[in-house]
Amino acid sequence: MPDTKEIGCAARGQILALLGYTDAVPSHERYTLLSAVALFSGSNGCPEIAASGENKMAAIRKENANG
């Protein structure tokens, strides 16, 4: 049985695919979309998806900080 982190990542991936998210999209647009998904998920009782979105947002911040 997958753990909640794996479930959150899989669900986040499905949601983002439906919204047309790709790594080709500029980082500020990806970040904004992830932020909206994380906030919506968190406020609707899906903390795994919210946490997964937050982790991906942190990766984008790190990517931008490194140039």
PDB file of N, CA and C in Angstrom:
ATOM      1  N   MET A   1       0.853  -1.189   0.000  1.00  0.00           N
ATOM      2  CA  MET A   1       0.000   0.000   0.000  1.00  0.00           C
ATOM      3  C   MET A   1       0.891   1.242   0.000  1.00  0.00           C
ATOM      4  N   PRO A   2       0.654   2.203  -0.913  1.00  0.00           N
ATOM      5  CA  PRO A   2       1.486   3.404  -0.967  1.00  0.00           C
ATOM      6  C   PRO A   2       1.253   4.283   0.258  1.00  0.00           C
ATOM      7  N   ASP A   3       2.308   5.018   0.648  1.00  0.00           N
ATOM      8  CA  ASP A   3       2.139   5.917   1.785  1.00  0.00           C
ATOM      9  C   ASP A   3       1.483   7.217   1.311  1.00  0.00           C
ATOM     10  N   THR A   4       1.131   8.085   2.267  1.00  0.00           N
ATOM     11  CA  THR A   4       0.397   9.304   1.927  1.00  0.00           C
ATOM     12  C   THR A   4       1.223  10.250   1.069  1.00  0.00           C
ATOM     13  N   LYS A   5       2.551  10.240   1.219  1.00  0.00           N
ATOM     14  CA  LYS A   5       3.395  11.100   0.394  1.00  0.00           C
ATOM     15  C   LYS A   5       3.305  10.669  -1.073  1.00  0.00           C
ATOM     16  N   GLU A   6       3.342   9.367  -1.323  1.00  0.00           N
ATOM     17  CA  GLU A   6       3.217   8.870  -2.703  1.00  0.00           C
ATOM     18  C   GLU A   6       1.846   9.188  -3.278  1.00  0.00           C
ATOM     19  N   ILE A   7       0.819   9.068  -2.465  1.00  0.00           N
ATOM     20  CA  ILE A   7      -0.541   9.380  -2.914  1.00  0.00           C
ATOM     21  C   ILE A   7      -0.644  10.858  -3.267  1.00  0.00           C
ATOM     22  N   GLY A   8      -0.084  11.721  -2.417  1.00  0.00           N
ATOM     23  CA  GLY A   8      -0.120  13.158  -2.671  1.00  0.00           C
ATOM     24  C   GLY A   8       0.590  13.520  -3.956  1.00  0.00           C
ATOM     25  N   CYS A   9       1.748  12.919  -4.197  1.00  0.00           N
ATOM     26  CA  CYS A   9       2.501  13.194  -5.425  1.00  0.00           C
ATOM     27  C   CYS A   9       1.750  12.723  -6.658  1.00  0.00           C
ATOM     28  N   ALA A  10       1.159  11.553  -6.580  1.00  0.00           N
ATOM     29  CA  ALA A  10       0.419  11.011  -7.719  1.00  0.00           C
ATOM     30  C   ALA A  10      -0.810  11.866  -8.018  1.00  0.00           C
ATOM     31  N   ALA A  11      -1.535  12.226  -6.989  1.00  0.00           N
ATOM     32  CA  ALA A  11      -2.724  13.053  -7.182  1.00  0.00           C
ATOM     33  C   ALA A  11      -2.345  14.427  -7.702  1.00  0.00           C
ATOM     34  N   ARG A  12      -1.288  15.009  -7.159  1.00  0.00           N
ATOM     35  CA  ARG A  12      -0.819  16.312  -7.637  1.00  0.00           C
ATOM     36  C   ARG A  12      -0.468  16.228  -9.112  1.00  0.00           C
ATOM     37  N   GLY A  13       0.207  15.171  -9.500  1.00  0.00           N
ATOM     38  CA  GLY A  13       0.582  14.985 -10.898  1.00  0.00           C
ATOM     39  C   GLY A  13      -0.622  14.896 -11.812  1.00  0.00           C
ATOM     40  N   GLN A  14      -1.647  14.184 -11.370  1.00  0.00           N
ATOM     41  CA  GLN A  14      -2.867  14.065 -12.167  1.00  0.00           C
ATOM     42  C   GLN A  14      -3.574  15.407 -12.302  1.00  0.00           C
ATOM     43  N   ILE A  15      -3.653  16.137 -11.211  1.00  0.00           N
ATOM     44  CA  ILE A  15      -4.299  17.453 -11.233  1.00  0.00           C
ATOM     45  C   ILE A  15      -3.557  18.387 -12.177  1.00  0.00           C
ATOM     46  N   LEU A  16      -2.240  18.433 -12.045  1.00  0.00           N
ATOM     47  CA  LEU A  16      -1.455  19.341 -12.881  1.00  0.00           C
ATOM     48  C   LEU A  16      -1.523  18.954 -14.353  1.00  0.00           C
ATOM     49  N   ALA A  17      -1.576  17.669 -14.638  1.00  0.00           N
ATOM     50  CA  ALA A  17      -1.697  17.225 -16.034  1.00  0.00           C
ATOM     51  C   ALA A  17      -3.017  17.713 -16.625  1.00  0.00           C
ATOM     52  N   LEU A  18      -4.071  17.648 -15.842  1.00  0.00           N
ATOM     53  CA  LEU A  18      -5.370  18.128 -16.315  1.00  0.00           C
ATOM     54  C   LEU A  18      -5.355  19.637 -16.581  1.00  0.00           C
ATOM     55  N   LEU A  19      -4.533  20.357 -15.832  1.00  0.00           N
ATOM     56  CA  LEU A  19      -4.453  21.810 -15.981  1.00  0.00           C
ATOM     57  C   LEU A  19      -3.408  22.235 -17.015  1.00  0.00           C
ATOM     58  N   GLY A  20      -2.738  21.281 -17.647  1.00  0.00           N
ATOM     59  CA  GLY A  20      -1.773  21.596 -18.692  1.00  0.00           C
ATOM     60  C   GLY A  20      -0.400  21.996 -18.193  1.00  0.00           C
ATOM     61  N   TYR A  21      -0.060  21.623 -16.971  1.00  0.00           N
ATOM     62  CA  TYR A  21       1.238  21.948 -16.385  1.00  0.00           C
ATOM     63  C   TYR A  21       2.341  21.148 -17.056  1.00  0.00           C
ATOM     64  N   THR A  22       3.398  21.833 -17.468  1.00  0.00           N
ATOM     65  CA  THR A  22       4.607  21.163 -17.955  1.00  0.00           C
ATOM     66  C   THR A  22       5.814  21.949 -17.455  1.00  0.00           C
ATOM     67  N   ASP A  23       6.973  21.324 -17.475  1.00  0.00           N
ATOM     68  CA  ASP A  23       8.191  22.019 -17.063  1.00  0.00           C
ATOM     69  C   ASP A  23       8.606  23.081 -18.066  1.00  0.00           C
ATOM     70  N   ALA A  24       7.999  23.091 -19.256  1.00  0.00           N
ATOM     71  CA  ALA A  24       8.298  24.104 -20.263  1.00  0.00           C
ATOM     72  C   ALA A  24       7.656  25.454 -19.919  1.00  0.00           C
ATOM     73  N   VAL A  25       6.659  25.442 -19.046  1.00  0.00           N
ATOM     74  CA  VAL A  25       5.994  26.671 -18.622  1.00  0.00           C
ATOM     75  C   VAL A  25       6.972  27.455 -17.742  1.00  0.00           C
ATOM     76  N   PRO A  26       7.015  28.794 -17.876  1.00  0.00           N
ATOM     77  CA  PRO A  26       7.919  29.586 -17.035  1.00  0.00           C
ATOM     78  C   PRO A  26       7.703  29.300 -15.544  1.00  0.00           C
ATOM     79  N   SER A  27       8.789  29.373 -14.796  1.00  0.00           N
ATOM     80  CA  SER A  27       8.739  28.985 -13.383  1.00  0.00           C
ATOM     81  C   SER A  27       7.735  29.798 -12.579  1.00  0.00           C
ATOM     82  N   HIS A  28       7.565  31.081 -12.869  1.00  0.00           N
ATOM     83  CA  HIS A  28       6.607  31.872 -12.083  1.00  0.00           C
ATOM     84  C   HIS A  28       5.165  31.411 -12.329  1.00  0.00           C
ATOM     85  N   GLU A  29       4.879  30.954 -13.533  1.00  0.00           N
ATOM     86  CA  GLU A  29       3.537  30.440 -13.818  1.00  0.00           C
ATOM     87  C   GLU A  29       3.324  29.073 -13.167  1.00  0.00           C
ATOM     88  N   ARG A  30       4.362  28.219 -13.194  1.00  0.00           N
ATOM     89  CA  ARG A  30       4.261  26.915 -12.524  1.00  0.00           C
ATOM     90  C   ARG A  30       4.048  27.110 -11.035  1.00  0.00           C
ATOM     91  N   TYR A  31       4.788  28.051 -10.448  1.00  0.00           N
ATOM     92  CA  TYR A  31       4.701  28.319  -9.019  1.00  0.00           C
ATOM     93  C   TYR A  31       3.299  28.795  -8.642  1.00  0.00           C
ATOM     94  N   THR A  32       2.748  29.699  -9.452  1.00  0.00           N
ATOM     95  CA  THR A  32       1.417  30.222  -9.180  1.00  0.00           C
ATOM     96  C   THR A  32       0.369  29.117  -9.245  1.00  0.00           C
ATOM     97  N   LEU A  33       0.459  28.267 -10.240  1.00  0.00           N
ATOM     98  CA  LEU A  33      -0.483  27.161 -10.373  1.00  0.00           C
ATOM     99  C   LEU A  33      -0.349  26.191  -9.199  1.00  0.00           C
ATOM    100  N   LEU A  34       0.878  25.856  -8.834  1.00  0.00           N
ATOM    101  CA  LEU A  34       1.095  24.967  -7.697  1.00  0.00           C
ATOM    102  C   LEU A  34       0.554  25.577  -6.410  1.00  0.00           C
ATOM    103  N   SER A  35       0.747  26.872  -6.247  1.00  0.00           N
ATOM    104  CA  SER A  35       0.254  27.558  -5.057  1.00  0.00           C
ATOM    105  C   SER A  35      -1.265  27.453  -4.965  1.00  0.00           C
ATOM    106  N   ALA A  36      -1.936  27.678  -6.077  1.00  0.00           N
ATOM    107  CA  ALA A  36      -3.395  27.584  -6.089  1.00  0.00           C
ATOM    108  C   ALA A  36      -3.859  26.164  -5.765  1.00  0.00           C
ATOM    109  N   VAL A  37      -3.214  25.172  -6.358  1.00  0.00           N
ATOM    110  CA  VAL A  37      -3.580  23.775  -6.107  1.00  0.00           C
ATOM    111  C   VAL A  37      -3.331  23.420  -4.639  1.00  0.00           C
ATOM    112  N   ALA A  38      -2.198  23.854  -4.095  1.00  0.00           N
ATOM    113  CA  ALA A  38      -1.880  23.547  -2.700  1.00  0.00           C
ATOM    114  C   ALA A  38      -2.879  24.200  -1.753  1.00  0.00           C
ATOM    115  N   LEU A  39      -3.200  25.461  -1.998  1.00  0.00           N
ATOM    116  CA  LEU A  39      -4.151  26.152  -1.129  1.00  0.00           C
ATOM    117  C   LEU A  39      -5.543  25.520  -1.214  1.00  0.00           C
ATOM    118  N   PHE A  40      -5.989  25.220  -2.416  1.00  0.00           N
ATOM    119  CA  PHE A  40      -7.299  24.603  -2.596  1.00  0.00           C
ATOM    120  C   PHE A  40      -7.342  23.230  -1.933  1.00  0.00           C
ATOM    121  N   SER A  41      -6.301  22.448  -2.133  1.00  0.00           N
ATOM    122  CA  SER A  41      -6.256  21.104  -1.556  1.00  0.00           C
ATOM    123  C   SER A  41      -6.254  21.145  -0.037  1.00  0.00           C
ATOM    124  N   GLY A  42      -5.439  22.043   0.501  1.00  0.00           N
ATOM    125  CA  GLY A  42      -5.365  22.161   1.951  1.00  0.00           C
ATOM    126  C   GLY A  42      -6.671  22.584   2.583  1.00  0.00           C
ATOM    127  N   SER A  43      -7.380  23.491   1.915  1.00  0.00           N
ATOM    128  CA  SER A  43      -8.640  23.974   2.477  1.00  0.00           C
ATOM    129  C   SER A  43      -9.799  23.010   2.237  1.00  0.00           C
ATOM    130  N   ASN A  44      -9.576  21.988   1.420  1.00  0.00           N
ATOM    131  CA  ASN A  44     -10.631  21.021   1.129  1.00  0.00           C
ATOM    132  C   ASN A  44     -10.316  19.626   1.644  1.00  0.00           C
ATOM    133  N   GLY A  45      -9.447  19.551   2.639  1.00  0.00           N
ATOM    134  CA  GLY A  45      -9.212  18.286   3.317  1.00  0.00           C
ATOM    135  C   GLY A  45      -8.305  17.308   2.601  1.00  0.00           C
ATOM    136  N   CYS A  46      -7.376  17.800   1.797  1.00  0.00           N
ATOM    137  CA  CYS A  46      -6.419  16.926   1.105  1.00  0.00           C
ATOM    138  C   CYS A  46      -4.992  17.366   1.451  1.00  0.00           C
ATOM    139  N   PRO A  47      -4.570  17.150   2.699  1.00  0.00           N
ATOM    140  CA  PRO A  47      -3.254  17.646   3.114  1.00  0.00           C
ATOM    141  C   PRO A  47      -2.091  17.003   2.363  1.00  0.00           C
ATOM    142  N   GLU A  48      -2.281  15.770   1.867  1.00  0.00           N
ATOM    143  CA  GLU A  48      -1.195  15.111   1.131  1.00  0.00           C
ATOM    144  C   GLU A  48      -0.888  15.865  -0.160  1.00  0.00           C
ATOM    145  N   ILE A  49      -1.939  16.290  -0.856  1.00  0.00           N
ATOM    146  CA  ILE A  49      -1.754  17.026  -2.107  1.00  0.00           C
ATOM    147  C   ILE A  49      -1.177  18.404  -1.807  1.00  0.00           C
ATOM    148  N   ALA A  50      -1.669  19.040  -0.758  1.00  0.00           N
ATOM    149  CA  ALA A  50      -1.167  20.355  -0.376  1.00  0.00           C
ATOM    150  C   ALA A  50       0.323  20.290  -0.045  1.00  0.00           C
ATOM    151  N   ALA A  51       0.720  19.300   0.735  1.00  0.00           N
ATOM    152  CA  ALA A  51       2.131  19.153   1.105  1.00  0.00           C
ATOM    153  C   ALA A  51       2.992  18.854  -0.116  1.00  0.00           C
ATOM    154  N   SER A  52       2.486  18.051  -1.021  1.00  0.00           N
ATOM    155  CA  SER A  52       3.212  17.727  -2.233  1.00  0.00           C
ATOM    156  C   SER A  52       3.419  18.987  -3.083  1.00  0.00           C
ATOM    157  N   GLY A  53       2.378  19.806  -3.167  1.00  0.00           N
ATOM    158  CA  GLY A  53       2.501  21.073  -3.903  1.00  0.00           C
ATOM    159  C   GLY A  53       3.511  21.999  -3.258  1.00  0.00           C
ATOM    160  N   GLU A  54       3.494  22.068  -1.940  1.00  0.00           N
ATOM    161  CA  GLU A  54       4.460  22.902  -1.222  1.00  0.00           C
ATOM    162  C   GLU A  54       5.893  22.436  -1.483  1.00  0.00           C
ATOM    163  N   ASN A  55       6.091  21.117  -1.515  1.00  0.00           N
ATOM    164  CA  ASN A  55       7.429  20.581  -1.793  1.00  0.00           C
ATOM    165  C   ASN A  55       7.892  20.955  -3.192  1.00  0.00           C
ATOM    166  N   LYS A  56       6.993  20.881  -4.163  1.00  0.00           N
ATOM    167  CA  LYS A  56       7.334  21.234  -5.538  1.00  0.00           C
ATOM    168  C   LYS A  56       7.613  22.735  -5.649  1.00  0.00           C
ATOM    169  N   MET A  57       6.857  23.552  -4.905  1.00  0.00           N
ATOM    170  CA  MET A  57       7.103  24.994  -4.891  1.00  0.00           C
ATOM    171  C   MET A  57       8.486  25.300  -4.317  1.00  0.00           C
ATOM    172  N   ALA A  58       8.879  24.580  -3.279  1.00  0.00           N
ATOM    173  CA  ALA A  58      10.208  24.764  -2.695  1.00  0.00           C
ATOM    174  C   ALA A  58      11.291  24.410  -3.707  1.00  0.00           C
ATOM    175  N   ALA A  59      11.051  23.371  -4.504  1.00  0.00           N
ATOM    176  CA  ALA A  59      12.014  22.988  -5.532  1.00  0.00           C
ATOM    177  C   ALA A  59      12.146  24.083  -6.589  1.00  0.00           C
ATOM    178  N   ILE A  60      11.047  24.719  -6.939  1.00  0.00           N
ATOM    179  CA  ILE A  60      11.101  25.807  -7.920  1.00  0.00           C
ATOM    180  C   ILE A  60      11.863  26.992  -7.346  1.00  0.00           C
ATOM    181  N   ARG A  61      11.623  27.329  -6.068  1.00  0.00           N
ATOM    182  CA  ARG A  61      12.366  28.420  -5.431  1.00  0.00           C
ATOM    183  C   ARG A  61      13.859  28.126  -5.435  1.00  0.00           C
ATOM    184  N   LYS A  62      14.215  26.886  -5.122  1.00  0.00           N
ATOM    185  CA  LYS A  62      15.627  26.488  -5.112  1.00  0.00           C
ATOM    186  C   LYS A  62      16.222  26.574  -6.520  1.00  0.00           C
ATOM    187  N   GLU A  63      15.466  26.106  -7.507  1.00  0.00           N
ATOM    188  CA  GLU A  63      15.901  26.158  -8.899  1.00  0.00           C
ATOM    189  C   GLU A  63      16.178  27.606  -9.327  1.00  0.00           C
ATOM    190  N   ASN A  64      15.285  28.514  -8.953  1.00  0.00           N
ATOM    191  CA  ASN A  64      15.448  29.920  -9.316  1.00  0.00           C
ATOM    192  C   ASN A  64      16.592  30.574  -8.566  1.00  0.00           C
ATOM    193  N   ALA A  65      16.827  30.163  -7.327  1.00  0.00           N
ATOM    194  CA  ALA A  65      17.929  30.720  -6.545  1.00  0.00           C
ATOM    195  C   ALA A  65      19.284  30.305  -7.104  1.00  0.00           C
ATOM    196  N   ASN A  66      19.322  29.107  -7.708  1.00  0.00           N
ATOM    197  CA  ASN A  66      20.577  28.603  -8.258  1.00  0.00           C
ATOM    198  C   ASN A  66      20.834  29.116  -9.667  1.00  0.00           C
ATOM    199  N   GLY A  67      19.890  29.836 -10.205  1.00  0.00           N
ATOM    200  CA  GLY A  67      20.101  30.420 -11.540  1.00  0.00           C
ATOM    201  C   GLY A  67      19.490  29.628 -12.574  1.00  0.00           C
TER     202      GLY A  67
END
